[in-house]
Amino acid sequence: MLGSLETEVMHALRELHEAPARDVRKKLEAGGIRVAYTTVATILSRLFDKGLVRRRRERCRGGERYVYRTAGNEQKYLMNLLRGVVATFGPSGVVHLNEEIAKLDPSQERELRRRLRLE
């Protein structure tokens, strides 16, 4: 499951389309989220390990850096998480998940539906 900062990094990267960690950090800061460059770089690396972002090396002043982009498989990732809820917690897990979704405000629900491509 993605943490709140991981979610914010994914959102920023989606808006940028492709960017190094430094630009993702700037985008987060512009949105009111203050975070260290090293934290963003670590999160992007973890998202890469989860298969949610792709990266390529690029030469830059001072050496090389990674440039990231979303992998476009968020829906697959979310569906696997939902299958995990069902396998681990059974029907009661699904009921609890449904109750938590019902607590979302309308904008959060729209974002969830958009990510699941239900709208």
PDB file of N, CA and C in Angstrom:
ATOM      1  N   MET A   1       0.833  -1.169   0.000  1.00  0.00           N
ATOM      2  CA  MET A   1       0.000   0.000   0.000  1.00  0.00           C
ATOM      3  C   MET A   1       0.887   1.245   0.000  1.00  0.00           C
ATOM      4  N   LEU A   2       0.423   2.283  -0.628  1.00  0.00           N
ATOM      5  CA  LEU A   2       1.197   3.517  -0.702  1.00  0.00           C
ATOM      6  C   LEU A   2       0.901   4.416   0.484  1.00  0.00           C
ATOM      7  N   GLY A   3       1.951   5.004   1.029  1.00  0.00           N
ATOM      8  CA  GLY A   3       1.795   5.987   2.080  1.00  0.00           C
ATOM      9  C   GLY A   3       1.370   7.321   1.489  1.00  0.00           C
ATOM     10  N   SER A   4       1.045   8.262   2.358  1.00  0.00           N
ATOM     11  CA  SER A   4       0.551   9.555   1.868  1.00  0.00           C
ATOM     12  C   SER A   4       1.611  10.312   1.077  1.00  0.00           C
ATOM     13  N   LEU A   5       2.869  10.256   1.514  1.00  0.00           N
ATOM     14  CA  LEU A   5       3.918  10.961   0.776  1.00  0.00           C
ATOM     15  C   LEU A   5       4.208  10.260  -0.552  1.00  0.00           C
ATOM     16  N   GLU A   6       4.166   8.927  -0.557  1.00  0.00           N
ATOM     17  CA  GLU A   6       4.333   8.200  -1.821  1.00  0.00           C
ATOM     18  C   GLU A   6       3.233   8.596  -2.806  1.00  0.00           C
ATOM     19  N   THR A   7       2.021   8.729  -2.306  1.00  0.00           N
ATOM     20  CA  THR A   7       0.902   9.131  -3.148  1.00  0.00           C
ATOM     21  C   THR A   7       1.117  10.527  -3.714  1.00  0.00           C
ATOM     22  N   GLU A   8       1.601  11.443  -2.877  1.00  0.00           N
ATOM     23  CA  GLU A   8       1.872  12.804  -3.333  1.00  0.00           C
ATOM     24  C   GLU A   8       2.984  12.821  -4.392  1.00  0.00           C
ATOM     25  N   VAL A   9       4.009  12.001  -4.196  1.00  0.00           N
ATOM     26  CA  VAL A   9       5.101  11.923  -5.175  1.00  0.00           C
ATOM     27  C   VAL A   9       4.564  11.386  -6.499  1.00  0.00           C
ATOM     28  N   MET A  10       3.722  10.363  -6.451  1.00  0.00           N
ATOM     29  CA  MET A  10       3.135   9.821  -7.684  1.00  0.00           C
ATOM     30  C   MET A  10       2.288  10.880  -8.388  1.00  0.00           C
ATOM     31  N   HIS A  11       1.517  11.624  -7.616  1.00  0.00           N
ATOM     32  CA  HIS A  11       0.677  12.670  -8.200  1.00  0.00           C
ATOM     33  C   HIS A  11       1.543  13.745  -8.870  1.00  0.00           C
ATOM     34  N   ALA A  12       2.598  14.172  -8.190  1.00  0.00           N
ATOM     35  CA  ALA A  12       3.499  15.186  -8.757  1.00  0.00           C
ATOM     36  C   ALA A  12       4.164  14.669 -10.026  1.00  0.00           C
ATOM     37  N   LEU A  13       4.613  13.425  -9.994  1.00  0.00           N
ATOM     38  CA  LEU A  13       5.287  12.849 -11.165  1.00  0.00           C
ATOM     39  C   LEU A  13       4.317  12.701 -12.328  1.00  0.00           C
ATOM     40  N   ARG A  14       3.084  12.348 -12.033  1.00  0.00           N
ATOM     41  CA  ARG A  14       2.073  12.235 -13.086  1.00  0.00           C
ATOM     42  C   ARG A  14       1.869  13.580 -13.774  1.00  0.00           C
ATOM     43  N   GLU A  15       1.846  14.648 -12.991  1.00  0.00           N
ATOM     44  CA  GLU A  15       1.678  15.987 -13.563  1.00  0.00           C
ATOM     45  C   GLU A  15       2.899  16.428 -14.363  1.00  0.00           C
ATOM     46  N   LEU A  16       4.091  16.031 -13.921  1.00  0.00           N
ATOM     47  CA  LEU A  16       5.327  16.414 -14.615  1.00  0.00           C
ATOM     48  C   LEU A  16       5.610  15.534 -15.833  1.00  0.00           C
ATOM     49  N   HIS A  17       4.998  14.369 -15.885  1.00  0.00           N
ATOM     50  CA  HIS A  17       5.183  13.364 -16.945  1.00  0.00           C
ATOM     51  C   HIS A  17       6.519  12.635 -16.825  1.00  0.00           C
ATOM     52  N   GLU A  18       7.598  13.373 -16.698  1.00  0.00           N
ATOM     53  CA  GLU A  18       8.920  12.770 -16.543  1.00  0.00           C
ATOM     54  C   GLU A  18       9.802  13.809 -15.857  1.00  0.00           C
ATOM     55  N   ALA A  19      10.538  13.366 -14.823  1.00  0.00           N
ATOM     56  CA  ALA A  19      11.340  14.350 -14.089  1.00  0.00           C
ATOM     57  C   ALA A  19      12.347  13.667 -13.168  1.00  0.00           C
ATOM     58  N   PRO A  20      13.455  14.346 -12.894  1.00  0.00           N
ATOM     59  CA  PRO A  20      14.385  13.867 -11.871  1.00  0.00           C
ATOM     60  C   PRO A  20      13.827  14.186 -10.482  1.00  0.00           C
ATOM     61  N   ALA A  21      14.399  13.590  -9.462  1.00  0.00           N
ATOM     62  CA  ALA A  21      13.932  13.778  -8.090  1.00  0.00           C
ATOM     63  C   ALA A  21      13.887  15.252  -7.699  1.00  0.00           C
ATOM     64  N   ARG A  22      14.850  16.027  -8.129  1.00  0.00           N
ATOM     65  CA  ARG A  22      14.904  17.445  -7.774  1.00  0.00           C
ATOM     66  C   ARG A  22      13.656  18.188  -8.269  1.00  0.00           C
ATOM     67  N   ASP A  23      13.217  17.904  -9.483  1.00  0.00           N
ATOM     68  CA  ASP A  23      12.022  18.566 -10.012  1.00  0.00           C
ATOM     69  C   ASP A  23      10.750  18.090  -9.314  1.00  0.00           C
ATOM     70  N   VAL A  24      10.727  16.813  -8.941  1.00  0.00           N
ATOM     71  CA  VAL A  24       9.577  16.297  -8.195  1.00  0.00           C
ATOM     72  C   VAL A  24       9.494  17.009  -6.850  1.00  0.00           C
ATOM     73  N   ARG A  25      10.634  17.190  -6.183  1.00  0.00           N
ATOM     74  CA  ARG A  25      10.670  17.910  -4.913  1.00  0.00           C
ATOM     75  C   ARG A  25      10.157  19.336  -5.075  1.00  0.00           C
ATOM     76  N   LYS A  26      10.578  20.011  -6.137  1.00  0.00           N
ATOM     77  CA  LYS A  26      10.111  21.380  -6.393  1.00  0.00           C
ATOM     78  C   LYS A  26       8.597  21.417  -6.601  1.00  0.00           C
ATOM     79  N   LYS A  27       8.069  20.448  -7.310  1.00  0.00           N
ATOM     80  CA  LYS A  27       6.621  20.371  -7.555  1.00  0.00           C
ATOM     81  C   LYS A  27       5.873  20.165  -6.239  1.00  0.00           C
ATOM     82  N   LEU A  28       6.394  19.301  -5.387  1.00  0.00           N
ATOM     83  CA  LEU A  28       5.782  19.078  -4.076  1.00  0.00           C
ATOM     84  C   LEU A  28       5.801  20.363  -3.253  1.00  0.00           C
ATOM     85  N   GLU A  29       6.939  21.035  -3.261  1.00  0.00           N
ATOM     86  CA  GLU A  29       7.075  22.278  -2.505  1.00  0.00           C
ATOM     87  C   GLU A  29       6.102  23.348  -3.007  1.00  0.00           C
ATOM     88  N   ALA A  30       5.921  23.414  -4.325  1.00  0.00           N
ATOM     89  CA  ALA A  30       4.974  24.366  -4.903  1.00  0.00           C
ATOM     90  C   ALA A  30       3.550  24.074  -4.435  1.00  0.00           C
ATOM     91  N   GLY A  31       3.294  22.807  -4.113  1.00  0.00           N
ATOM     92  CA  GLY A  31       1.981  22.414  -3.600  1.00  0.00           C
ATOM     93  C   GLY A  31       1.871  22.476  -2.090  1.00  0.00           C
ATOM     94  N   GLY A  32       2.891  23.028  -1.443  1.00  0.00           N
ATOM     95  CA  GLY A  32       2.847  23.192   0.001  1.00  0.00           C
ATOM     96  C   GLY A  32       3.415  22.040   0.805  1.00  0.00           C
ATOM     97  N   ILE A  33       4.076  21.104   0.143  1.00  0.00           N
ATOM     98  CA  ILE A  33       4.657  19.962   0.836  1.00  0.00           C
ATOM     99  C   ILE A  33       6.163  20.144   0.892  1.00  0.00           C
ATOM    100  N   ARG A  34       6.681  20.404   2.074  1.00  0.00           N
ATOM    101  CA  ARG A  34       8.118  20.615   2.245  1.00  0.00           C
ATOM    102  C   ARG A  34       8.749  19.283   2.630  1.00  0.00           C
ATOM    103  N   VAL A  35       9.689  18.857   1.824  1.00  0.00           N
ATOM    104  CA  VAL A  35      10.353  17.576   2.047  1.00  0.00           C
ATOM    105  C   VAL A  35      11.770  17.664   1.495  1.00  0.00           C
ATOM    106  N   ALA A  36      12.679  16.933   2.103  1.00  0.00           N
ATOM    107  CA  ALA A  36      14.075  16.952   1.666  1.00  0.00           C
ATOM    108  C   ALA A  36      14.246  16.225   0.333  1.00  0.00           C
ATOM    109  N   TYR A  37      15.230  16.659  -0.416  1.00  0.00           N
ATOM    110  CA  TYR A  37      15.556  16.012  -1.690  1.00  0.00           C
ATOM    111  C   TYR A  37      15.823  14.527  -1.477  1.00  0.00           C
ATOM    112  N   THR A  38      16.590  14.187  -0.442  1.00  0.00           N
ATOM    113  CA  THR A  38      16.942  12.781  -0.200  1.00  0.00           C
ATOM    114  C   THR A  38      15.707  11.935   0.083  1.00  0.00           C
ATOM    115  N   THR A  39      14.713  12.526   0.723  1.00  0.00           N
ATOM    116  CA  THR A  39      13.468  11.807   0.990  1.00  0.00           C
ATOM    117  C   THR A  39      12.747  11.506  -0.315  1.00  0.00           C
ATOM    118  N   VAL A  40      12.671  12.477  -1.201  1.00  0.00           N
ATOM    119  CA  VAL A  40      12.022  12.273  -2.498  1.00  0.00           C
ATOM    120  C   VAL A  40      12.770  11.215  -3.303  1.00  0.00           C
ATOM    121  N   ALA A  41      14.105  11.288  -3.312  1.00  0.00           N
ATOM    122  CA  ALA A  41      14.907  10.301  -4.049  1.00  0.00           C
ATOM    123  C   ALA A  41      14.669   8.891  -3.505  1.00  0.00           C
ATOM    124  N   THR A  42      14.580   8.766  -2.184  1.00  0.00           N
ATOM    125  CA  THR A  42      14.325   7.460  -1.573  1.00  0.00           C
ATOM    126  C   THR A  42      12.946   6.944  -1.943  1.00  0.00           C
ATOM    127  N   ILE A  43      11.949   7.809  -1.897  1.00  0.00           N
ATOM    128  CA  ILE A  43      10.583   7.404  -2.246  1.00  0.00           C
ATOM    129  C   ILE A  43      10.512   6.973  -3.705  1.00  0.00           C
ATOM    130  N   LEU A  44      11.141   7.731  -4.586  1.00  0.00           N
ATOM    131  CA  LEU A  44      11.140   7.344  -6.006  1.00  0.00           C
ATOM    132  C   LEU A  44      11.821   5.997  -6.209  1.00  0.00           C
ATOM    133  N   SER A  45      12.877   5.744  -5.485  1.00  0.00           N
ATOM    134  CA  SER A  45      13.565   4.451  -5.575  1.00  0.00           C
ATOM    135  C   SER A  45      12.647   3.320  -5.101  1.00  0.00           C
ATOM    136  N   ARG A  46      11.926   3.552  -4.026  1.00  0.00           N
ATOM    137  CA  ARG A  46      10.986   2.536  -3.523  1.00  0.00           C
ATOM    138  C   ARG A  46       9.830   2.312  -4.493  1.00  0.00           C
ATOM    139  N   LEU A  47       9.344   3.396  -5.088  1.00  0.00           N
ATOM    140  CA  LEU A  47       8.281   3.257  -6.093  1.00  0.00           C
ATOM    141  C   LEU A  47       8.776   2.490  -7.310  1.00  0.00           C
ATOM    142  N   PHE A  48      10.053   2.680  -7.647  1.00  0.00           N
ATOM    143  CA  PHE A  48      10.655   1.913  -8.738  1.00  0.00           C
ATOM    144  C   PHE A  48      10.686   0.429  -8.366  1.00  0.00           C
ATOM    145  N   ASP A  49      11.090   0.130  -7.132  1.00  0.00           N
ATOM    146  CA  ASP A  49      11.135  -1.259  -6.674  1.00  0.00           C
ATOM    147  C   ASP A  49       9.753  -1.913  -6.690  1.00  0.00           C
ATOM    148  N   LYS A  50       8.715  -1.122  -6.447  1.00  0.00           N
ATOM    149  CA  LYS A  50       7.337  -1.625  -6.467  1.00  0.00           C
ATOM    150  C   LYS A  50       6.783  -1.742  -7.882  1.00  0.00           C
ATOM    151  N   GLY A  51       7.531  -1.234  -8.860  1.00  0.00           N
ATOM    152  CA  GLY A  51       7.091  -1.301 -10.241  1.00  0.00           C
ATOM    153  C   GLY A  51       6.128  -0.203 -10.641  1.00  0.00           C
ATOM    154  N   LEU A  52       6.006   0.844  -9.817  1.00  0.00           N
ATOM    155  CA  LEU A  52       5.056   1.911 -10.110  1.00  0.00           C
ATOM    156  C   LEU A  52       5.655   3.047 -10.922  1.00  0.00           C
ATOM    157  N   VAL A  53       6.976   3.154 -10.935  1.00  0.00           N
ATOM    158  CA  VAL A  53       7.642   4.146 -11.779  1.00  0.00           C
ATOM    159  C   VAL A  53       8.755   3.472 -12.559  1.00  0.00           C
ATOM    160  N   ARG A  54       9.087   4.088 -13.653  1.00  0.00           N
ATOM    161  CA  ARG A  54      10.230   3.646 -14.463  1.00  0.00           C
ATOM    162  C   ARG A  54      11.277   4.738 -14.387  1.00  0.00           C
ATOM    163  N   ARG A  55      12.503   4.376 -14.694  1.00  0.00           N
ATOM    164  CA  ARG A  55      13.559   5.383 -14.648  1.00  0.00           C
ATOM    165  C   ARG A  55      14.589   5.103 -15.730  1.00  0.00           C
ATOM    166  N   ARG A  56      15.268   6.170 -16.099  1.00  0.00           N
ATOM    167  CA  ARG A  56      16.376   6.061 -17.041  1.00  0.00           C
ATOM    168  C   ARG A  56      17.494   6.942 -16.519  1.00  0.00           C
ATOM    169  N   ARG A  57      18.721   6.587 -16.882  1.00  0.00           N
ATOM    170  CA  ARG A  57      19.865   7.404 -16.482  1.00  0.00           C
ATOM    171  C   ARG A  57      20.055   8.528 -17.483  1.00  0.00           C
ATOM    172  N   GLU A  58      20.508   9.635 -16.949  1.00  0.00           N
ATOM    173  CA  GLU A  58      20.742  10.809 -17.781  1.00  0.00           C
ATOM    174  C   GLU A  58      22.001  11.496 -17.268  1.00  0.00           C
ATOM    175  N   ARG A  59      22.832  11.915 -18.202  1.00  0.00           N
ATOM    176  CA  ARG A  59      24.014  12.688 -17.814  1.00  0.00           C
ATOM    177  C   ARG A  59      23.571  14.072 -17.387  1.00  0.00           C
ATOM    178  N   CYS A  60      24.221  14.558 -16.363  1.00  0.00           N
ATOM    179  CA  CYS A  60      23.938  15.913 -15.908  1.00  0.00           C
ATOM    180  C   CYS A  60      25.227  16.502 -15.354  1.00  0.00           C
ATOM    181  N   ARG A  61      25.168  17.778 -15.058  1.00  0.00           N
ATOM    182  CA  ARG A  61      26.325  18.427 -14.477  1.00  0.00           C
ATOM    183  C   ARG A  61      26.662  17.705 -13.178  1.00  0.00           C
ATOM    184  N   GLY A  62      27.875  17.225 -13.063  1.00  0.00           N
ATOM    185  CA  GLY A  62      28.289  16.520 -11.857  1.00  0.00           C
ATOM    186  C   GLY A  62      28.180  15.011 -11.953  1.00  0.00           C
ATOM    187  N   GLY A  63      27.711  14.467 -13.061  1.00  0.00           N
ATOM    188  CA  GLY A  63      27.647  13.005 -13.198  1.00  0.00           C
ATOM    189  C   GLY A  63      26.396  12.524 -13.885  1.00  0.00           C
ATOM    190  N   GLU A  64      25.687  11.627 -13.220  1.00  0.00           N
ATOM    191  CA  GLU A  64      24.461  11.049 -13.761  1.00  0.00           C
ATOM    192  C   GLU A  64      23.348  11.166 -12.737  1.00  0.00           C
ATOM    193  N   ARG A  65      22.121  11.078 -13.225  1.00  0.00           N
ATOM    194  CA  ARG A  65      20.958  11.060 -12.359  1.00  0.00           C
ATOM    195  C   ARG A  65      19.885  10.212 -13.015  1.00  0.00           C
ATOM    196  N   TYR A  66      18.899   9.835 -12.232  1.00  0.00           N
ATOM    197  CA  TYR A  66      17.746   9.130 -12.769  1.00  0.00           C
ATOM    198  C   TYR A  66      16.652  10.135 -13.114  1.00  0.00           C
ATOM    199  N   VAL A  67      15.978   9.851 -14.205  1.00  0.00           N
ATOM    200  CA  VAL A  67      14.792  10.609 -14.593  1.00  0.00           C
ATOM    201  C   VAL A  67      13.639   9.605 -14.535  1.00  0.00           C
ATOM    202  N   TYR A  68      12.594   9.962 -13.791  1.00  0.00           N
ATOM    203  CA  TYR A  68      11.482   9.050 -13.516  1.00  0.00           C
ATOM    204  C   TYR A  68      10.233   9.415 -14.295  1.00  0.00           C
ATOM    205  N   ARG A  69       9.404   8.400 -14.519  1.00  0.00           N
ATOM    206  CA  ARG A  69       8.065   8.586 -15.086  1.00  0.00           C
ATOM    207  C   ARG A  69       7.184   7.476 -14.523  1.00  0.00           C
ATOM    208  N   THR A  70       5.896   7.715 -14.495  1.00  0.00           N
ATOM    209  CA  THR A  70       5.003   6.676 -13.976  1.00  0.00           C
ATOM    210  C   THR A  70       5.017   5.489 -14.922  1.00  0.00           C
ATOM    211  N   ALA A  71       4.832   4.316 -14.362  1.00  0.00           N
ATOM    212  CA  ALA A  71       4.859   3.099 -15.172  1.00  0.00           C
ATOM    213  C   ALA A  71       3.512   2.828 -15.827  1.00  0.00           C
ATOM    214  N   GLY A  72       2.490   3.548 -15.386  1.00  0.00           N
ATOM    215  CA  GLY A  72       1.173   3.378 -16.004  1.00  0.00           C
ATOM    216  C   GLY A  72       0.457   2.107 -15.581  1.00  0.00           C
ATOM    217  N   ASN A  73       0.878   1.502 -14.476  1.00  0.00           N
ATOM    218  CA  ASN A  73       0.237   0.266 -14.041  1.00  0.00           C
ATOM    219  C   ASN A  73      -0.351   0.392 -12.637  1.00  0.00           C
ATOM    220  N   GLU A  74      -0.769   1.596 -12.270  1.00  0.00           N
ATOM    221  CA  GLU A  74      -1.364   1.806 -10.955  1.00  0.00           C
ATOM    222  C   GLU A  74      -2.614   0.956 -10.763  1.00  0.00           C
ATOM    223  N   GLN A  75      -3.409   0.842 -11.814  1.00  0.00           N
ATOM    224  CA  GLN A  75      -4.646   0.069 -11.694  1.00  0.00           C
ATOM    225  C   GLN A  75      -4.329  -1.390 -11.357  1.00  0.00           C
ATOM    226  N   LYS A  76      -3.345  -1.959 -12.005  1.00  0.00           N
ATOM    227  CA  LYS A  76      -2.945  -3.337 -11.729  1.00  0.00           C
ATOM    228  C   LYS A  76      -2.465  -3.470 -10.285  1.00  0.00           C
ATOM    229  N   TYR A  77      -1.684  -2.504  -9.827  1.00  0.00           N
ATOM    230  CA  TYR A  77      -1.183  -2.504  -8.458  1.00  0.00           C
ATOM    231  C   TYR A  77      -2.345  -2.455  -7.458  1.00  0.00           C
ATOM    232  N   LEU A  78      -3.306  -1.562  -7.704  1.00  0.00           N
ATOM    233  CA  LEU A  78      -4.451  -1.434  -6.809  1.00  0.00           C
ATOM    234  C   LEU A  78      -5.306  -2.697  -6.817  1.00  0.00           C
ATOM    235  N   MET A  79      -5.500  -3.300  -7.965  1.00  0.00           N
ATOM    236  CA  MET A  79      -6.292  -4.532  -8.040  1.00  0.00           C
ATOM    237  C   MET A  79      -5.605  -5.662  -7.268  1.00  0.00           C
ATOM    238  N   ASN A  80      -4.282  -5.736  -7.339  1.00  0.00           N
ATOM    239  CA  ASN A  80      -3.557  -6.742  -6.564  1.00  0.00           C
ATOM    240  C   ASN A  80      -3.721  -6.499  -5.064  1.00  0.00           C
ATOM    241  N   LEU A  81      -3.723  -5.222  -4.663  1.00  0.00           N
ATOM    242  CA  LEU A  81      -3.958  -4.903  -3.252  1.00  0.00           C
ATOM    243  C   LEU A  81      -5.352  -5.348  -2.822  1.00  0.00           C
ATOM    244  N   LEU A  82      -6.348  -5.102  -3.670  1.00  0.00           N
ATOM    245  CA  LEU A  82      -7.713  -5.505  -3.341  1.00  0.00           C
ATOM    246  C   LEU A  82      -7.830  -7.023  -3.244  1.00  0.00           C
ATOM    247  N   ARG A  83      -7.165  -7.728  -4.133  1.00  0.00           N
ATOM    248  CA  ARG A  83      -7.165  -9.198  -4.051  1.00  0.00           C
ATOM    249  C   ARG A  83      -6.528  -9.652  -2.747  1.00  0.00           C
ATOM    250  N   GLY A  84      -5.486  -8.942  -2.338  1.00  0.00           N
ATOM    251  CA  GLY A  84      -4.827  -9.260  -1.072  1.00  0.00           C
ATOM    252  C   GLY A  84      -5.745  -9.056   0.119  1.00  0.00           C
ATOM    253  N   VAL A  85      -6.581  -8.013   0.077  1.00  0.00           N
ATOM    254  CA  VAL A  85      -7.549  -7.772   1.151  1.00  0.00           C
ATOM    255  C   VAL A  85      -8.514  -8.948   1.231  1.00  0.00           C
ATOM    256  N   VAL A  86      -9.025  -9.373   0.091  1.00  0.00           N
ATOM    257  CA  VAL A  86      -9.978 -10.479   0.056  1.00  0.00           C
ATOM    258  C   VAL A  86      -9.315 -11.770   0.542  1.00  0.00           C
ATOM    259  N   ALA A  87      -8.105 -12.049   0.056  1.00  0.00           N
ATOM    260  CA  ALA A  87      -7.417 -13.289   0.442  1.00  0.00           C
ATOM    261  C   ALA A  87      -7.046 -13.301   1.920  1.00  0.00           C
ATOM    262  N   THR A  88      -6.663 -12.151   2.444  1.00  0.00           N
ATOM    263  CA  THR A  88      -6.199 -12.089   3.829  1.00  0.00           C
ATOM    264  C   THR A  88      -7.345 -11.966   4.830  1.00  0.00           C
ATOM    265  N   PHE A  89      -8.313 -11.106   4.526  1.00  0.00           N
ATOM    266  CA  PHE A  89      -9.350 -10.794   5.504  1.00  0.00           C
ATOM    267  C   PHE A  89     -10.730 -11.349   5.170  1.00  0.00           C
ATOM    268  N   GLY A  90     -10.896 -11.876   3.967  1.00  0.00           N
ATOM    269  CA  GLY A  90     -12.180 -12.443   3.581  1.00  0.00           C
ATOM    270  C   GLY A  90     -13.260 -11.382   3.439  1.00  0.00           C
ATOM    271  N   PRO A  91     -14.510 -11.807   3.501  1.00  0.00           N
ATOM    272  CA  PRO A  91     -15.626 -10.878   3.311  1.00  0.00           C
ATOM    273  C   PRO A  91     -15.629  -9.713   4.307  1.00  0.00           C
ATOM    274  N   SER A  92     -15.219  -9.947   5.552  1.00  0.00           N
ATOM    275  CA  SER A  92     -15.231  -8.855   6.534  1.00  0.00           C
ATOM    276  C   SER A  92     -14.241  -7.759   6.145  1.00  0.00           C
ATOM    277  N   GLY A  93     -13.141  -8.129   5.502  1.00  0.00           N
ATOM    278  CA  GLY A  93     -12.186  -7.135   5.021  1.00  0.00           C
ATOM    279  C   GLY A  93     -12.775  -6.263   3.939  1.00  0.00           C
ATOM    280  N   VAL A  94     -13.562  -6.868   3.068  1.00  0.00           N
ATOM    281  CA  VAL A  94     -14.213  -6.126   1.987  1.00  0.00           C
ATOM    282  C   VAL A  94     -15.251  -5.166   2.573  1.00  0.00           C
ATOM    283  N   VAL A  95     -16.001  -5.636   3.580  1.00  0.00           N
ATOM    284  CA  VAL A  95     -16.998  -4.781   4.233  1.00  0.00           C
ATOM    285  C   VAL A  95     -16.305  -3.588   4.878  1.00  0.00           C
ATOM    286  N   HIS A  96     -15.202  -3.837   5.588  1.00  0.00           N
ATOM    287  CA  HIS A  96     -14.468  -2.751   6.241  1.00  0.00           C
ATOM    288  C   HIS A  96     -13.935  -1.762   5.204  1.00  0.00           C
ATOM    289  N   LEU A  97     -13.362  -2.273   4.121  1.00  0.00           N
ATOM    290  CA  LEU A  97     -12.855  -1.404   3.067  1.00  0.00           C
ATOM    291  C   LEU A  97     -13.971  -0.532   2.503  1.00  0.00           C
ATOM    292  N   ASN A  98     -15.125  -1.134   2.268  1.00  0.00           N
ATOM    293  CA  ASN A  98     -16.274  -0.390   1.755  1.00  0.00           C
ATOM    294  C   ASN A  98     -16.703   0.703   2.735  1.00  0.00           C
ATOM    295  N   GLU A  99     -16.669   0.402   4.034  1.00  0.00           N
ATOM    296  CA  GLU A  99     -17.022   1.407   5.048  1.00  0.00           C
ATOM    297  C   GLU A  99     -16.027   2.566   5.033  1.00  0.00           C
ATOM    298  N   GLU A 100     -14.743   2.258   4.865  1.00  0.00           N
ATOM    299  CA  GLU A 100     -13.724   3.309   4.825  1.00  0.00           C
ATOM    300  C   GLU A 100     -13.876   4.181   3.579  1.00  0.00           C
ATOM    301  N   ILE A 101     -14.207   3.565   2.456  1.00  0.00           N
ATOM    302  CA  ILE A 101     -14.424   4.334   1.229  1.00  0.00           C
ATOM    303  C   ILE A 101     -15.623   5.257   1.396  1.00  0.00           C
ATOM    304  N   ALA A 102     -16.651   4.794   2.103  1.00  0.00           N
ATOM    305  CA  ALA A 102     -17.838   5.615   2.325  1.00  0.00           C
ATOM    306  C   ALA A 102     -17.522   6.865   3.142  1.00  0.00           C
ATOM    307  N   LYS A 103     -16.439   6.842   3.917  1.00  0.00           N
ATOM    308  CA  LYS A 103     -16.047   7.992   4.744  1.00  0.00           C
ATOM    309  C   LYS A 103     -15.280   9.061   3.956  1.00  0.00           C
ATOM    310  N   LEU A 104     -14.874   8.749   2.739  1.00  0.00           N
ATOM    311  CA  LEU A 104     -14.104   9.705   1.943  1.00  0.00           C
ATOM    312  C   LEU A 104     -14.958  10.906   1.566  1.00  0.00           C
ATOM    313  N   ASP A 105     -14.307  12.062   1.495  1.00  0.00           N
ATOM    314  CA  ASP A 105     -15.058  13.212   0.996  1.00  0.00           C
ATOM    315  C   ASP A 105     -15.170  13.068  -0.524  1.00  0.00           C
ATOM    316  N   PRO A 106     -16.097  13.785  -1.154  1.00  0.00           N
ATOM    317  CA  PRO A 106     -16.355  13.601  -2.593  1.00  0.00           C
ATOM    318  C   PRO A 106     -15.115  13.732  -3.479  1.00  0.00           C
ATOM    319  N   SER A 107     -14.221  14.663  -3.167  1.00  0.00           N
ATOM    320  CA  SER A 107     -13.034  14.819  -4.017  1.00  0.00           C
ATOM    321  C   SER A 107     -12.096  13.623  -3.894  1.00  0.00           C
ATOM    322  N   GLN A 108     -11.976  13.066  -2.691  1.00  0.00           N
ATOM    323  CA  GLN A 108     -11.141  11.877  -2.503  1.00  0.00           C
ATOM    324  C   GLN A 108     -11.747  10.677  -3.226  1.00  0.00           C
ATOM    325  N   GLU A 109     -13.060  10.555  -3.158  1.00  0.00           N
ATOM    326  CA  GLU A 109     -13.736   9.454  -3.846  1.00  0.00           C
ATOM    327  C   GLU A 109     -13.568   9.574  -5.362  1.00  0.00           C
ATOM    328  N   ARG A 110     -13.691  10.795  -5.888  1.00  0.00           N
ATOM    329  CA  ARG A 110     -13.487  10.993  -7.325  1.00  0.00           C
ATOM    330  C   ARG A 110     -12.070  10.601  -7.727  1.00  0.00           C
ATOM    331  N   GLU A 111     -11.092  10.996  -6.901  1.00  0.00           N
ATOM    332  CA  GLU A 111      -9.693  10.657  -7.192  1.00  0.00           C
ATOM    333  C   GLU A 111      -9.490   9.142  -7.178  1.00  0.00           C
ATOM    334  N   LEU A 112     -10.091   8.464  -6.210  1.00  0.00           N
ATOM    335  CA  LEU A 112      -9.987   7.004  -6.140  1.00  0.00           C
ATOM    336  C   LEU A 112     -10.614   6.371  -7.376  1.00  0.00           C
ATOM    337  N   ARG A 113     -11.796   6.831  -7.751  1.00  0.00           N
ATOM    338  CA  ARG A 113     -12.460   6.296  -8.943  1.00  0.00           C
ATOM    339  C   ARG A 113     -11.635   6.565 -10.199  1.00  0.00           C
ATOM    340  N   ARG A 114     -11.049   7.755 -10.268  1.00  0.00           N
ATOM    341  CA  ARG A 114     -10.215   8.088 -11.431  1.00  0.00           C
ATOM    342  C   ARG A 114      -9.022   7.140 -11.497  1.00  0.00           C
ATOM    343  N   ARG A 115      -8.385   6.898 -10.363  1.00  0.00           N
ATOM    344  CA  ARG A 115      -7.217   6.015 -10.347  1.00  0.00           C
ATOM    345  C   ARG A 115      -7.590   4.583 -10.711  1.00  0.00           C
ATOM    346  N   LEU A 116      -8.769   4.178 -10.316  1.00  0.00           N
ATOM    347  CA  LEU A 116      -9.233   2.831 -10.657  1.00  0.00           C
ATOM    348  C   LEU A 116      -9.881   2.788 -12.040  1.00  0.00           C
ATOM    349  N   ARG A 117      -9.928   3.965 -12.671  1.00  0.00           N
ATOM    350  CA  ARG A 117     -10.546   4.115 -13.987  1.00  0.00           C
ATOM    351  C   ARG A 117     -12.014   3.661 -13.986  1.00  0.00           C
ATOM    352  N   LEU A 118     -12.723   4.054 -12.929  1.00  0.00           N
ATOM    353  CA  LEU A 118     -14.150   3.750 -12.816  1.00  0.00           C
ATOM    354  C   LEU A 118     -14.993   4.907 -13.311  1.00  0.00           C
ATOM    355  N   GLU A 119     -14.351   6.047 -13.587  1.00  0.00           N
ATOM    356  CA  GLU A 119     -15.076   7.206 -14.122  1.00  0.00           C
ATOM    357  C   GLU A 119     -14.454   7.629 -15.415  1.00  0.00           C
TER     358      GLU A 119
END
